[in-house]
Each structure stands twice: as C-alpha cells, then as structure tokens.
Amino acid sequence: MAVNVFDQLVPVGGTKNLRDIGGIATPEGLVVRPGVLFRSDTLHEAVVDDLARLDLACVVDFRSAAEVERRPDRLDGLDLRWVNLPVDNPRSAGSHLVGQEDLPEFRVEMIQHWLNRDFDAVGKMVDELSIDIAGDRVKRYQSFATDFAPVFAAFFAELVAAMGRPLLYHCEGGTDRTGVATALLLGVLGVEREAVMEDYLATNTVVADELEELRQLAPPSLWPIIGAQQQQMQAFLDHIDSECDGIDSYARSHLKLTDEAIAQLRSTYLAPA
C-alpha cells in the first residue's frame, strides 16, 4: 500500500522536505520502522527545538565543504553526532561536463549562481559551454553509484553503528544526493523498485509550489535539473543492475556490507506492518 507523503512530513520549522521514511513496505509484509530514519533538505534554518523532539543520535550531511561553510546546519545544543560525507567531487563524478582544467571552479560558480537564484547566469554558462543539462544529469546519477560508492559505504557504516537510534541524512534540497542515499537504503532493506521510485518522486509533491516558482524564474533549458526527475533515478537504478549485478551484489561489493550487517540493518530498521 502506498504511503501518503504528507503523513511522512515532519513539522520542523525552517525545513521544507524533512520526511520520516517509516511505513514504506517490503514484499514480505514488513515496513520501514517509523521514527528512526529521516531524509531532509538542509538544516541551515531549522528550528532547533523542533529537531530536539526527534531525539537524533546522528546527522549525516552529504554537502560539500563549501556548501557547509556557506549554510551550516543549525544544531546548537543538540547532543548528537554530526558527520560530513561530501558527494562533491566534480572531477571524478562530472568530468563529462566540460573538458577544462578549472571544472571545480565552474561547478562552484554554477552552484553559487543557482543558490542566489541568478538563473540567467546559470543559463549563460550552460549555453557557453554547450552543456546537455538533461544528459549530464543522467550521467551524474549513474556516477553516484560508482564514483561515490565509498561515501555511501561510510553512510551505511553510520546506519549500522546507530543501532536503530534516530538518524537524519540530508543534502541541500533533499532531492538528488539524499534521493540516491534513500534509494540505496530502501533497496538494501528489500523495498521494491516501484516504492523506491515513488519515494524519490514524492519530493515533487512536497515542494510543488517552490518548484513551480523555480520554473517561472528559470529558462526552460534548466528545467531538467529542477525537482526529482524519473529518468535520472531510473538511470541510477539501471546502472546498479547492469554494471553492479543488482542491489544485493552492490551492497556487498560497493557498500562493503557483510551478510551479517545486512541482516542487522533489516532487523533494526524493519518492523511488522
């Protein structure tokens, strides 16, 4: 049975896409345990008192050092472990973008323009460098599976170490990096692809008004990188199937999970429906 995304939303002031992934079902009749796994956008403006009610043991931040410095998580006074696992290496993950040596500076500049909502500047950069935005983003998602496998392996190590204590993970908007992390987590827990995709696309429902505002401001050439795009997650999942022999094999070869660790994750984070 599908989960109502609005039932998953957690009322933490200053966030837009903070969701409890509890309740998502596996084919065996189990569900992800509520109240222990939270996916989110940035916590830069989060209301600390609201976060405190989640009793978090750990927060994993997938943003780059530059993003963290610009908009640090607001966690003042909370007794938790904060871990930065940046998914931000453009030279390895996005080298298909452009063939120039200053690619990191290009990405930093582009992200800066995007965060400042200077979409004309982003569009100009895309046009000048003849970037296929849609094709690039698909390749980016494919690269998540391989280039950043060590980062996601470290994420799963945190999940194992948390032992069922509440854990929150996030990036900037809670869509791409957080979406991929959630897809891997749900896949390892045995959730079927249809439900994985449904959870990923739910971001479009949760922040629909904001996405529509972005489309009004941005040129159509940038629309393929606004919101969650099904073809991007499909490319990620297909890449794991074709290049890594499926999620079970990927969990062992790339995420470095033993059979015992997988069994622990499932016993910890799944419960009867």
C-alpha atoms as a PDB file:
ATOM      1  CA  MET A   1       0.000   0.000   0.000  1.00  0.00           C
ATOM      2  CA  ALA A   2       1.367   3.417  -0.952  1.00  0.00           C
ATOM      3  CA  VAL A   3       2.421   5.795   1.785  1.00  0.00           C
ATOM      4  CA  ASN A   4       0.864   9.260   1.944  1.00  0.00           C
ATOM      5  CA  VAL A   5       3.854  11.585   1.651  1.00  0.00           C
ATOM      6  CA  PHE A   6       2.135  14.257   3.701  1.00  0.00           C
ATOM      7  CA  ASP A   7       1.852  11.766   6.552  1.00  0.00           C
ATOM      8  CA  GLN A   8       5.636  11.358   6.320  1.00  0.00           C
ATOM      9  CA  LEU A   9       6.386  15.066   6.574  1.00  0.00           C
ATOM     10  CA  VAL A  10       7.913  16.046   9.912  1.00  0.00           C
ATOM     11  CA  PRO A  11       6.995  19.524  11.214  1.00  0.00           C
ATOM     12  CA  VAL A  12      10.428  21.057  11.752  1.00  0.00           C
ATOM     13  CA  GLY A  13      10.415  24.773  11.206  1.00  0.00           C
ATOM     14  CA  GLY A  14      12.906  26.045   8.633  1.00  0.00           C
ATOM     15  CA  THR A  15      12.818  22.835   6.570  1.00  0.00           C
ATOM     16  CA  LYS A  16      10.726  22.048   3.507  1.00  0.00           C
ATOM     17  CA  ASN A  17      11.419  18.405   2.727  1.00  0.00           C
ATOM     18  CA  LEU A  18      12.060  16.621   6.023  1.00  0.00           C
ATOM     19  CA  ARG A  19      10.347  13.235   5.900  1.00  0.00           C
ATOM     20  CA  ASP A  20      10.191  10.124   8.040  1.00  0.00           C
ATOM     21  CA  ILE A  21      10.613   7.234   5.593  1.00  0.00           C
ATOM     22  CA  GLY A  22       8.893   4.913   8.037  1.00  0.00           C
ATOM     23  CA  GLY A  23       5.930   2.971   6.707  1.00  0.00           C
ATOM     24  CA  ILE A  24       7.352   2.097   3.288  1.00  0.00           C
ATOM     25  CA  ALA A  25       6.616  -1.582   2.752  1.00  0.00           C
ATOM     26  CA  THR A  26       8.625  -4.569   1.590  1.00  0.00           C
ATOM     27  CA  PRO A  27       7.112  -7.500  -0.354  1.00  0.00           C
ATOM     28  CA  GLU A  28       7.469  -9.658   2.772  1.00  0.00           C
ATOM     29  CA  GLY A  29       4.877  -7.606   4.644  1.00  0.00           C
ATOM     30  CA  LEU A  30       7.348  -5.590   6.702  1.00  0.00           C
ATOM     31  CA  VAL A  31       7.620  -1.806   6.767  1.00  0.00           C
ATOM     32  CA  VAL A  32      10.424   0.616   7.467  1.00  0.00           C
ATOM     33  CA  ARG A  33      10.277   1.364  11.184  1.00  0.00           C
ATOM     34  CA  PRO A  34       8.838   4.852  11.840  1.00  0.00           C
ATOM     35  CA  GLY A  35      10.687   7.443  13.861  1.00  0.00           C
ATOM     36  CA  VAL A  36      14.259   6.341  13.178  1.00  0.00           C
ATOM     37  CA  LEU A  37      15.181   7.262   9.591  1.00  0.00           C
ATOM     38  CA  PHE A  38      14.701  10.805   8.342  1.00  0.00           C
ATOM     39  CA  ARG A  39      15.583  12.294   4.946  1.00  0.00           C
ATOM     40  CA  SER A  40      15.769  16.056   4.649  1.00  0.00           C
ATOM     41  CA  ASP A  41      16.838  19.213   2.925  1.00  0.00           C
ATOM     42  CA  THR A  42      19.383  21.496   4.600  1.00  0.00           C
ATOM     43  CA  LEU A  43      19.070  22.202   8.325  1.00  0.00           C
ATOM     44  CA  HIS A  44      20.582  25.663   7.972  1.00  0.00           C
ATOM     45  CA  GLU A  45      17.399  27.376   9.138  1.00  0.00           C
ATOM     46  CA  ALA A  46      15.962  24.501  11.169  1.00  0.00           C
ATOM     47  CA  VAL A  47      14.225  25.289  14.442  1.00  0.00           C
ATOM     48  CA  VAL A  48      16.401  23.510  16.997  1.00  0.00           C
ATOM     49  CA  ASP A  49      13.566  22.873  19.442  1.00  0.00           C
ATOM     50  CA  ASP A  50      11.678  21.037  16.695  1.00  0.00           C
ATOM     51  CA  LEU A  51      14.743  18.947  15.827  1.00  0.00           C
ATOM     52  CA  ALA A  52      15.239  18.136  19.503  1.00  0.00           C
ATOM     53  CA  ARG A  53      11.907  16.315  19.534  1.00  0.00           C
ATOM     54  CA  LEU A  54      13.295  13.808  17.013  1.00  0.00           C
ATOM     55  CA  ASP A  55      15.910  12.713  19.587  1.00  0.00           C
ATOM     56  CA  LEU A  56      18.502  12.328  16.838  1.00  0.00           C
ATOM     57  CA  ALA A  57      21.655  10.372  17.540  1.00  0.00           C
ATOM     58  CA  CYS A  58      23.322  11.274  14.234  1.00  0.00           C
ATOM     59  CA  VAL A  59      23.046  13.726  11.345  1.00  0.00           C
ATOM     60  CA  VAL A  60      24.788  12.874   8.061  1.00  0.00           C
ATOM     61  CA  ASP A  61      25.383  15.821   5.724  1.00  0.00           C
ATOM     62  CA  PHE A  62      26.149  14.970   2.074  1.00  0.00           C
ATOM     63  CA  ARG A  63      27.015  18.551   1.102  1.00  0.00           C
ATOM     64  CA  SER A  64      30.430  19.799   0.075  1.00  0.00           C
ATOM     65  CA  ALA A  65      32.692  21.703   2.460  1.00  0.00           C
ATOM     66  CA  ALA A  66      31.856  24.918   0.587  1.00  0.00           C
ATOM     67  CA  GLU A  67      28.121  24.320   0.969  1.00  0.00           C
ATOM     68  CA  VAL A  68      28.503  23.517   4.656  1.00  0.00           C
ATOM     69  CA  GLU A  69      30.563  26.648   5.253  1.00  0.00           C
ATOM     70  CA  ARG A  70      28.029  28.807   3.455  1.00  0.00           C
ATOM     71  CA  ARG A  71      24.951  27.343   5.153  1.00  0.00           C
ATOM     72  CA  PRO A  72      25.961  25.286   8.212  1.00  0.00           C
ATOM     73  CA  ASP A  73      23.425  23.034   9.905  1.00  0.00           C
ATOM     74  CA  ARG A  74      21.699  24.610  12.877  1.00  0.00           C
ATOM     75  CA  LEU A  75      22.192  22.044  15.628  1.00  0.00           C
ATOM     76  CA  ASP A  76      23.104  24.242  18.591  1.00  0.00           C
ATOM     77  CA  GLY A  77      22.819  22.433  21.910  1.00  0.00           C
ATOM     78  CA  LEU A  78      21.804  19.078  20.443  1.00  0.00           C
ATOM     79  CA  ASP A  79      23.668  16.040  21.740  1.00  0.00           C
ATOM     80  CA  LEU A  80      24.290  14.153  18.526  1.00  0.00           C
ATOM     81  CA  ARG A  81      26.997  13.042  16.120  1.00  0.00           C
ATOM     82  CA  TRP A  82      27.349  15.221  13.001  1.00  0.00           C
ATOM     83  CA  VAL A  83      29.104  13.570  10.063  1.00  0.00           C
ATOM     84  CA  ASN A  84      30.044  15.250   6.791  1.00  0.00           C
ATOM     85  CA  LEU A  85      30.194  12.773   3.897  1.00  0.00           C
ATOM     86  CA  PRO A  86      30.503  15.092   0.888  1.00  0.00           C
ATOM     87  CA  VAL A  87      29.239  13.996  -2.503  1.00  0.00           C
ATOM     88  CA  ASP A  88      31.028  16.811  -4.253  1.00  0.00           C
ATOM     89  CA  ASN A  89      34.000  15.635  -6.343  1.00  0.00           C
ATOM     90  CA  PRO A  90      33.255  17.116  -9.763  1.00  0.00           C
ATOM     91  CA  ARG A  91      36.427  15.899 -11.424  1.00  0.00           C
ATOM     92  CA  SER A  92      35.607  12.237 -10.846  1.00  0.00           C
ATOM     93  CA  ALA A  93      31.821  12.403 -10.897  1.00  0.00           C
ATOM     94  CA  GLY A  94      31.183  15.033 -13.521  1.00  0.00           C
ATOM     95  CA  SER A  95      34.209  15.078 -15.778  1.00  0.00           C
ATOM     96  CA  HIS A  96      31.907  14.571 -18.743  1.00  0.00           C
ATOM     97  CA  LEU A  97      30.588  18.091 -18.145  1.00  0.00           C
ATOM     98  CA  VAL A  98      33.399  20.079 -19.690  1.00  0.00           C
ATOM     99  CA  GLY A  99      36.963  19.351 -20.686  1.00  0.00           C
ATOM    100  CA  GLN A 100      38.643  22.247 -18.968  1.00  0.00           C
ATOM    101  CA  GLU A 101      41.007  22.101 -16.027  1.00  0.00           C
ATOM    102  CA  ASP A 102      39.059  24.557 -13.878  1.00  0.00           C
ATOM    103  CA  LEU A 103      35.983  22.327 -13.649  1.00  0.00           C
ATOM    104  CA  PRO A 104      35.764  22.554  -9.830  1.00  0.00           C
ATOM    105  CA  GLU A 105      35.650  26.347 -10.050  1.00  0.00           C
ATOM    106  CA  PHE A 106      32.998  26.047 -12.763  1.00  0.00           C
ATOM    107  CA  ARG A 107      30.809  23.896 -10.559  1.00  0.00           C
ATOM    108  CA  VAL A 108      31.298  26.158  -7.549  1.00  0.00           C
ATOM    109  CA  GLU A 109      30.347  29.188  -9.624  1.00  0.00           C
ATOM    110  CA  MET A 110      27.321  27.462 -11.102  1.00  0.00           C
ATOM    111  CA  ILE A 111      26.089  26.323  -7.680  1.00  0.00           C
ATOM    112  CA  GLN A 112      26.623  29.820  -6.310  1.00  0.00           C
ATOM    113  CA  HIS A 113      24.523  31.340  -9.087  1.00  0.00           C
ATOM    114  CA  TRP A 114      21.832  28.700  -8.516  1.00  0.00           C
ATOM    115  CA  LEU A 115      21.644  29.313  -4.761  1.00  0.00           C
ATOM    116  CA  ASN A 116      21.423  33.039  -5.447  1.00  0.00           C
ATOM    117  CA  ARG A 117      18.655  32.302  -7.955  1.00  0.00           C
ATOM    118  CA  ASP A 118      20.619  34.004 -10.699  1.00  0.00           C
ATOM    119  CA  PHE A 119      19.264  31.627 -13.300  1.00  0.00           C
ATOM    120  CA  ASP A 120      20.209  33.856 -16.211  1.00  0.00           C
ATOM    121  CA  ALA A 121      23.866  33.421 -15.216  1.00  0.00           C
ATOM    122  CA  VAL A 122      23.439  29.653 -14.927  1.00  0.00           C
ATOM    123  CA  GLY A 123      21.736  29.505 -18.302  1.00  0.00           C
ATOM    124  CA  LYS A 124      24.504  31.595 -19.857  1.00  0.00           C
ATOM    125  CA  MET A 125      27.166  29.225 -18.528  1.00  0.00           C
ATOM    126  CA  VAL A 126      25.237  26.228 -19.832  1.00  0.00           C
ATOM    127  CA  ASP A 127      24.897  27.815 -23.277  1.00  0.00           C
ATOM    128  CA  GLU A 128      28.512  28.968 -23.498  1.00  0.00           C
ATOM    129  CA  LEU A 129      29.853  25.527 -22.595  1.00  0.00           C
ATOM    130  CA  SER A 130      27.234  23.726 -24.719  1.00  0.00           C
ATOM    131  CA  ILE A 131      26.206  21.513 -21.802  1.00  0.00           C
ATOM    132  CA  ASP A 132      23.446  18.961 -22.308  1.00  0.00           C
ATOM    133  CA  ILE A 133      21.779  19.510 -18.951  1.00  0.00           C
ATOM    134  CA  ALA A 134      19.416  16.533 -19.149  1.00  0.00           C
ATOM    135  CA  GLY A 135      22.092  14.158 -20.417  1.00  0.00           C
ATOM    136  CA  ASP A 136      24.611  15.403 -17.901  1.00  0.00           C
ATOM    137  CA  ARG A 137      22.248  14.885 -15.002  1.00  0.00           C
ATOM    138  CA  VAL A 138      21.542  11.307 -16.087  1.00  0.00           C
ATOM    139  CA  LYS A 139      25.285  10.625 -16.226  1.00  0.00           C
ATOM    140  CA  ARG A 140      25.666  12.300 -12.858  1.00  0.00           C
ATOM    141  CA  TYR A 141      23.151   9.914 -11.340  1.00  0.00           C
ATOM    142  CA  GLN A 142      24.939   6.935 -12.886  1.00  0.00           C
ATOM    143  CA  SER A 143      28.191   8.162 -11.401  1.00  0.00           C
ATOM    144  CA  PHE A 144      26.634   8.301  -7.935  1.00  0.00           C
ATOM    145  CA  ALA A 145      26.602   4.503  -7.931  1.00  0.00           C
ATOM    146  CA  THR A 146      30.301   4.051  -8.665  1.00  0.00           C
ATOM    147  CA  ASP A 147      32.328   7.226  -8.101  1.00  0.00           C
ATOM    148  CA  PHE A 148      30.717   7.881  -4.748  1.00  0.00           C
ATOM    149  CA  ALA A 149      30.332   4.308  -3.536  1.00  0.00           C
ATOM    150  CA  PRO A 150      32.913   4.905  -0.743  1.00  0.00           C
ATOM    151  CA  VAL A 151      30.837   7.825   0.535  1.00  0.00           C
ATOM    152  CA  PHE A 152      27.668   5.767   0.618  1.00  0.00           C
ATOM    153  CA  ALA A 153      29.572   2.871   2.204  1.00  0.00           C
ATOM    154  CA  ALA A 154      30.514   5.264   5.011  1.00  0.00           C
ATOM    155  CA  PHE A 155      26.843   6.277   5.258  1.00  0.00           C
ATOM    156  CA  PHE A 156      25.821   2.663   5.722  1.00  0.00           C
ATOM    157  CA  ALA A 157      28.512   2.249   8.365  1.00  0.00           C
ATOM    158  CA  GLU A 158      26.779   5.072  10.266  1.00  0.00           C
ATOM    159  CA  LEU A 159      23.438   3.312   9.865  1.00  0.00           C
ATOM    160  CA  VAL A 160      24.887   0.110  11.296  1.00  0.00           C
ATOM    161  CA  ALA A 161      26.554   1.982  14.160  1.00  0.00           C
ATOM    162  CA  ALA A 162      23.365   3.873  15.028  1.00  0.00           C
ATOM    163  CA  MET A 163      21.748   0.581  16.039  1.00  0.00           C
ATOM    164  CA  GLY A 164      18.246   1.920  15.500  1.00  0.00           C
ATOM    165  CA  ARG A 165      18.731   5.256  17.218  1.00  0.00           C
ATOM    166  CA  PRO A 166      17.189   8.062  15.134  1.00  0.00           C
ATOM    167  CA  LEU A 167      19.379   9.200  12.235  1.00  0.00           C
ATOM    168  CA  LEU A 168      18.803  12.047   9.769  1.00  0.00           C
ATOM    169  CA  TYR A 169      20.626  12.492   6.478  1.00  0.00           C
ATOM    170  CA  HIS A 170      20.406  15.375   4.043  1.00  0.00           C
ATOM    171  CA  CYS A 171      21.933  17.467   1.279  1.00  0.00           C
ATOM    172  CA  GLU A 172      20.860  20.965   0.207  1.00  0.00           C
ATOM    173  CA  GLY A 173      17.401  20.417  -1.254  1.00  0.00           C
ATOM    174  CA  GLY A 174      16.841  16.810  -0.207  1.00  0.00           C
ATOM    175  CA  THR A 175      16.392  15.646  -3.800  1.00  0.00           C
ATOM    176  CA  ASP A 176      19.442  14.269  -5.606  1.00  0.00           C
ATOM    177  CA  ARG A 177      22.098  13.150  -3.129  1.00  0.00           C
ATOM    178  CA  THR A 178      19.542  12.447  -0.431  1.00  0.00           C
ATOM    179  CA  GLY A 179      17.325  10.721  -3.000  1.00  0.00           C
ATOM    180  CA  VAL A 180      20.128   8.394  -4.071  1.00  0.00           C
ATOM    181  CA  ALA A 181      21.038   7.598  -0.457  1.00  0.00           C
ATOM    182  CA  THR A 182      17.391   6.774   0.245  1.00  0.00           C
ATOM    183  CA  ALA A 183      17.144   4.584  -2.856  1.00  0.00           C
ATOM    184  CA  LEU A 184      20.165   2.593  -1.698  1.00  0.00           C
ATOM    185  CA  LEU A 185      18.845   2.315   1.854  1.00  0.00           C
ATOM    186  CA  LEU A 186      15.409   1.165   0.768  1.00  0.00           C
ATOM    187  CA  GLY A 187      16.946  -1.256  -1.726  1.00  0.00           C
ATOM    188  CA  VAL A 188      19.168  -2.856   0.913  1.00  0.00           C
ATOM    189  CA  LEU A 189      16.143  -3.164   3.201  1.00  0.00           C
ATOM    190  CA  GLY A 190      14.332  -5.083   0.473  1.00  0.00           C
ATOM    191  CA  VAL A 191      11.886  -2.445  -0.754  1.00  0.00           C
ATOM    192  CA  GLU A 192      10.823  -2.945  -4.371  1.00  0.00           C
ATOM    193  CA  ARG A 193      11.833  -0.500  -7.098  1.00  0.00           C
ATOM    194  CA  GLU A 194       8.334   0.901  -7.601  1.00  0.00           C
ATOM    195  CA  ALA A 195       8.197   2.061  -3.974  1.00  0.00           C
ATOM    196  CA  VAL A 196      11.761   3.384  -4.194  1.00  0.00           C
ATOM    197  CA  MET A 197      10.816   5.491  -7.192  1.00  0.00           C
ATOM    198  CA  GLU A 198       7.615   6.660  -5.523  1.00  0.00           C
ATOM    199  CA  ASP A 199       9.545   7.928  -2.514  1.00  0.00           C
ATOM    200  CA  TYR A 200      12.058   9.712  -4.749  1.00  0.00           C
ATOM    201  CA  LEU A 201       9.394  11.478  -6.819  1.00  0.00           C
ATOM    202  CA  ALA A 202       7.461  12.488  -3.696  1.00  0.00           C
ATOM    203  CA  THR A 203       9.761  15.500  -3.370  1.00  0.00           C
ATOM    204  CA  ASN A 204       7.916  16.994  -6.350  1.00  0.00           C
ATOM    205  CA  THR A 205       4.673  16.800  -4.391  1.00  0.00           C
ATOM    206  CA  VAL A 206       6.096  18.113  -1.136  1.00  0.00           C
ATOM    207  CA  VAL A 207       7.721  21.215  -2.642  1.00  0.00           C
ATOM    208  CA  ALA A 208       5.460  21.628  -5.665  1.00  0.00           C
ATOM    209  CA  ASP A 209       4.916  25.355  -5.117  1.00  0.00           C
ATOM    210  CA  GLU A 210       8.632  26.053  -4.844  1.00  0.00           C
ATOM    211  CA  LEU A 211       9.397  24.011  -7.958  1.00  0.00           C
ATOM    212  CA  GLU A 212       6.753  25.869  -9.935  1.00  0.00           C
ATOM    213  CA  GLU A 213       8.260  29.160  -8.789  1.00  0.00           C
ATOM    214  CA  LEU A 214      11.689  27.992  -9.959  1.00  0.00           C
ATOM    215  CA  ARG A 215      10.289  27.069 -13.377  1.00  0.00           C
ATOM    216  CA  GLN A 216       8.785  30.517 -13.656  1.00  0.00           C
ATOM    217  CA  LEU A 217      12.170  32.091 -12.916  1.00  0.00           C
ATOM    218  CA  ALA A 218      14.487  29.723 -14.795  1.00  0.00           C
ATOM    219  CA  PRO A 219      14.762  29.307 -18.575  1.00  0.00           C
ATOM    220  CA  PRO A 220      13.296  26.044 -19.942  1.00  0.00           C
ATOM    221  CA  SER A 221      16.834  24.795 -20.659  1.00  0.00           C
ATOM    222  CA  LEU A 222      17.315  24.398 -16.890  1.00  0.00           C
ATOM    223  CA  TRP A 223      14.045  22.639 -16.121  1.00  0.00           C
ATOM    224  CA  PRO A 224      15.641  19.147 -16.332  1.00  0.00           C
ATOM    225  CA  ILE A 225      17.562  19.905 -13.131  1.00  0.00           C
ATOM    226  CA  ILE A 226      14.582  21.247 -11.214  1.00  0.00           C
ATOM    227  CA  GLY A 227      12.976  18.731  -8.888  1.00  0.00           C
ATOM    228  CA  ALA A 228      13.132  14.951  -8.969  1.00  0.00           C
ATOM    229  CA  GLN A 229      13.233  13.528 -12.497  1.00  0.00           C
ATOM    230  CA  GLN A 230      12.170   9.918 -13.023  1.00  0.00           C
ATOM    231  CA  GLN A 231      14.664   9.264 -15.837  1.00  0.00           C
ATOM    232  CA  GLN A 232      17.526  10.243 -13.552  1.00  0.00           C
ATOM    233  CA  MET A 233      16.670   7.810 -10.765  1.00  0.00           C
ATOM    234  CA  GLN A 234      15.846   5.189 -13.384  1.00  0.00           C
ATOM    235  CA  ALA A 235      19.352   5.618 -14.802  1.00  0.00           C
ATOM    236  CA  PHE A 236      20.844   5.194 -11.324  1.00  0.00           C
ATOM    237  CA  LEU A 237      18.901   2.013 -10.585  1.00  0.00           C
ATOM    238  CA  ASP A 238      19.519   0.580 -14.054  1.00  0.00           C
ATOM    239  CA  HIS A 239      23.237   1.287 -13.674  1.00  0.00           C
ATOM    240  CA  ILE A 240      23.341  -0.708 -10.453  1.00  0.00           C
ATOM    241  CA  ASP A 241      21.553  -3.578 -12.177  1.00  0.00           C
ATOM    242  CA  SER A 242      23.647  -3.607 -15.343  1.00  0.00           C
ATOM    243  CA  GLU A 243      27.078  -2.680 -14.016  1.00  0.00           C
ATOM    244  CA  CYS A 244      26.936  -3.983 -10.435  1.00  0.00           C
ATOM    245  CA  ASP A 245      24.685  -7.075 -10.771  1.00  0.00           C
ATOM    246  CA  GLY A 246      21.835  -5.621  -8.749  1.00  0.00           C
ATOM    247  CA  ILE A 247      21.403  -4.089  -5.318  1.00  0.00           C
ATOM    248  CA  ASP A 248      22.250  -7.247  -3.355  1.00  0.00           C
ATOM    249  CA  SER A 249      25.594  -7.628  -5.116  1.00  0.00           C
ATOM    250  CA  TYR A 250      26.199  -3.874  -4.952  1.00  0.00           C
ATOM    251  CA  ALA A 251      25.616  -3.855  -1.202  1.00  0.00           C
ATOM    252  CA  ARG A 252      28.426  -6.352  -0.731  1.00  0.00           C
ATOM    253  CA  SER A 253      30.888  -5.169  -3.389  1.00  0.00           C
ATOM    254  CA  HIS A 254      30.472  -1.390  -3.197  1.00  0.00           C
ATOM    255  CA  LEU A 255      28.839  -0.647   0.152  1.00  0.00           C
ATOM    256  CA  LYS A 256      31.093  -3.197   1.879  1.00  0.00           C
ATOM    257  CA  LEU A 257      28.205  -4.758   3.780  1.00  0.00           C
ATOM    258  CA  THR A 258      28.561  -8.285   5.070  1.00  0.00           C
ATOM    259  CA  ASP A 259      25.632 -10.675   5.222  1.00  0.00           C
ATOM    260  CA  GLU A 260      25.578 -10.090   8.978  1.00  0.00           C
ATOM    261  CA  ALA A 261      25.458  -6.304   8.531  1.00  0.00           C
ATOM    262  CA  ILE A 262      22.603  -6.548   6.031  1.00  0.00           C
ATOM    263  CA  ALA A 263      20.692  -8.826   8.390  1.00  0.00           C
ATOM    264  CA  GLN A 264      21.311  -6.347  11.215  1.00  0.00           C
ATOM    265  CA  LEU A 265      20.074  -3.431   9.147  1.00  0.00           C
ATOM    266  CA  ARG A 266      16.892  -5.283   8.236  1.00  0.00           C
ATOM    267  CA  SER A 267      16.184  -6.453  11.777  1.00  0.00           C
ATOM    268  CA  THR A 268      16.866  -2.949  13.111  1.00  0.00           C
ATOM    269  CA  TYR A 269      15.030  -0.812  10.596  1.00  0.00           C
ATOM    270  CA  LEU A 270      12.128  -3.047   9.577  1.00  0.00           C
ATOM    271  CA  ALA A 271       9.046  -3.922  11.589  1.00  0.00           C
ATOM    272  CA  PRO A 272       5.776  -5.818  11.060  1.00  0.00           C
ATOM    273  CA  ALA A 273       3.205  -3.817   9.115  1.00  0.00           C
END
